[in-house]
Amino acid sequence: MTTSIYFLLFFFLAAVASVSSEDCSYTILVKTGSVSKAGTNSKISAILKDAQGSQVNIPNLENHGKMGSGHDYFEKGNLDTFVVPADCLGSPVCSLTLSSDNKGASSG
């Protein structure tokens, strides 16, 4: 059974390109909605894609969180920031896919 995650998603993706294809950084901001039962303790993954089909896979977005030690990510009303170092895509990001493993307490 698919569990819906209530995310009001605002995202900002910034690729800081340099000479090496491994020197980009993608900043993702996720605003979790404030409706009843919004938020999750599930593992959230992300895939960034460009127009050519190249992609950056992020298996656990929380591993790249910048909110400080002990912060509870993806909770009702939170605006969470993640910075992901990765290979540079060949062109600007044109899609973002967020997925949940639907596990853990409050999985959706």
Protein backbone atom coordinates (compact mmCIF):
# COMPACT_ATOMS: atom_id res chain seq x y z
CA MET A 1 0.00 0.00 0.00
CA THR A 2 1.40 3.32 -1.00
CA THR A 3 1.51 5.86 1.76
CA SER A 4 1.31 9.45 0.71
CA ILE A 5 3.77 11.90 2.13
CA TYR A 6 2.44 15.38 2.42
CA PHE A 7 5.15 17.65 1.20
CA LEU A 8 4.72 21.18 0.08
CA LEU A 9 7.95 21.21 -1.79
CA PHE A 10 9.94 24.27 -2.49
CA PHE A 11 13.29 23.52 -3.88
CA PHE A 12 16.26 25.45 -5.01
CA LEU A 13 18.92 23.64 -6.93
CA ALA A 14 22.24 25.30 -7.40
CA ALA A 15 25.04 23.70 -9.31
CA VAL A 16 28.40 25.26 -8.69
CA ALA A 17 30.44 24.11 -11.65
CA SER A 18 34.19 24.01 -11.81
CA VAL A 19 36.81 22.40 -14.02
CA SER A 20 36.30 18.90 -12.59
CA SER A 21 33.03 17.07 -13.26
CA GLU A 22 33.02 15.94 -9.61
CA ASP A 23 32.95 19.40 -8.10
CA CYS A 24 29.29 20.38 -8.07
CA SER A 25 27.08 20.99 -5.10
CA TYR A 26 23.29 20.76 -5.20
CA THR A 27 21.26 22.59 -2.57
CA ILE A 28 17.76 21.27 -1.95
CA LEU A 29 15.22 22.93 0.35
CA VAL A 30 12.20 20.86 1.39
CA LYS A 31 9.19 22.46 3.07
CA THR A 32 7.02 19.82 4.73
CA GLY A 33 3.33 20.69 4.70
CA SER A 34 1.34 21.63 7.75
CA VAL A 35 -1.76 19.49 7.14
CA SER A 36 -2.79 16.85 9.64
CA LYS A 37 -0.26 13.99 9.84
CA ALA A 38 2.28 15.80 7.66
CA GLY A 39 5.83 14.66 8.21
CA THR A 40 7.65 11.36 8.21
CA ASN A 41 10.45 9.38 9.81
CA SER A 42 10.93 7.34 6.62
CA LYS A 43 14.14 7.45 4.59
CA ILE A 44 13.70 9.98 1.79
CA SER A 45 15.75 9.57 -1.38
CA ALA A 46 16.09 11.94 -4.32
CA ILE A 47 17.01 11.78 -8.00
CA LEU A 48 18.06 14.90 -9.91
CA LYS A 49 17.93 14.69 -13.73
CA ASP A 50 18.95 16.92 -16.60
CA ALA A 51 17.42 17.13 -20.09
CA GLN A 52 19.87 14.55 -21.48
CA GLY A 53 18.83 11.93 -18.93
CA SER A 54 21.95 12.15 -16.77
CA GLN A 55 21.16 11.88 -13.09
CA VAL A 56 22.43 12.28 -9.56
CA ASN A 57 21.11 9.65 -7.13
CA ILE A 58 20.83 10.58 -3.45
CA PRO A 59 19.92 7.39 -1.52
CA ASN A 60 19.31 9.14 1.83
CA LEU A 61 18.71 12.88 1.69
CA GLU A 62 19.00 13.24 5.48
CA ASN A 63 22.70 12.28 5.28
CA HIS A 64 23.24 15.65 3.57
CA GLY A 65 21.19 17.72 6.03
CA LYS A 66 22.54 21.08 7.16
CA MET A 67 20.13 21.81 10.03
CA GLY A 68 22.47 20.82 12.84
CA SER A 69 22.95 17.90 15.17
CA GLY A 70 19.76 16.36 16.52
CA HIS A 71 17.43 18.08 14.02
CA ASP A 72 14.34 16.04 13.13
CA TYR A 73 13.98 16.28 9.34
CA PHE A 74 10.74 16.11 7.34
CA GLU A 75 8.49 17.08 10.24
CA LYS A 76 5.27 19.07 10.01
CA GLY A 77 5.95 22.67 8.98
CA ASN A 78 9.76 22.28 8.74
CA LEU A 79 11.91 23.91 6.07
CA ASP A 80 14.93 21.61 5.79
CA THR A 81 18.14 22.33 3.86
CA PHE A 82 20.35 19.70 2.23
CA VAL A 83 23.65 20.21 0.37
CA VAL A 84 24.75 17.31 -1.83
CA PRO A 85 28.25 17.19 -3.34
CA ALA A 86 28.18 15.18 -6.57
CA ASP A 87 29.33 14.97 -10.16
CA CYS A 88 28.16 17.86 -12.30
CA LEU A 89 25.31 17.17 -14.67
CA GLY A 90 25.82 18.12 -18.32
CA SER A 91 23.01 20.68 -18.26
CA PRO A 92 20.74 22.32 -15.66
CA VAL A 93 18.57 20.15 -13.45
CA CYS A 94 15.12 19.78 -15.00
CA SER A 95 13.51 17.25 -12.68
CA LEU A 96 13.54 16.22 -9.05
CA THR A 97 12.02 12.96 -7.82
CA LEU A 98 11.56 12.38 -4.09
CA SER A 99 10.81 8.88 -2.82
CA SER A 100 10.02 7.40 0.57
CA ASP A 101 10.81 3.89 1.81
CA ASN A 102 7.54 4.08 3.82
CA LYS A 103 9.26 2.66 6.91
CA GLY A 104 9.62 3.97 10.42
CA ALA A 105 7.16 5.63 12.75
CA SER A 106 4.98 8.23 11.01
CA SER A 107 5.81 6.95 7.55
CA GLY A 108 3.41 9.21 5.78
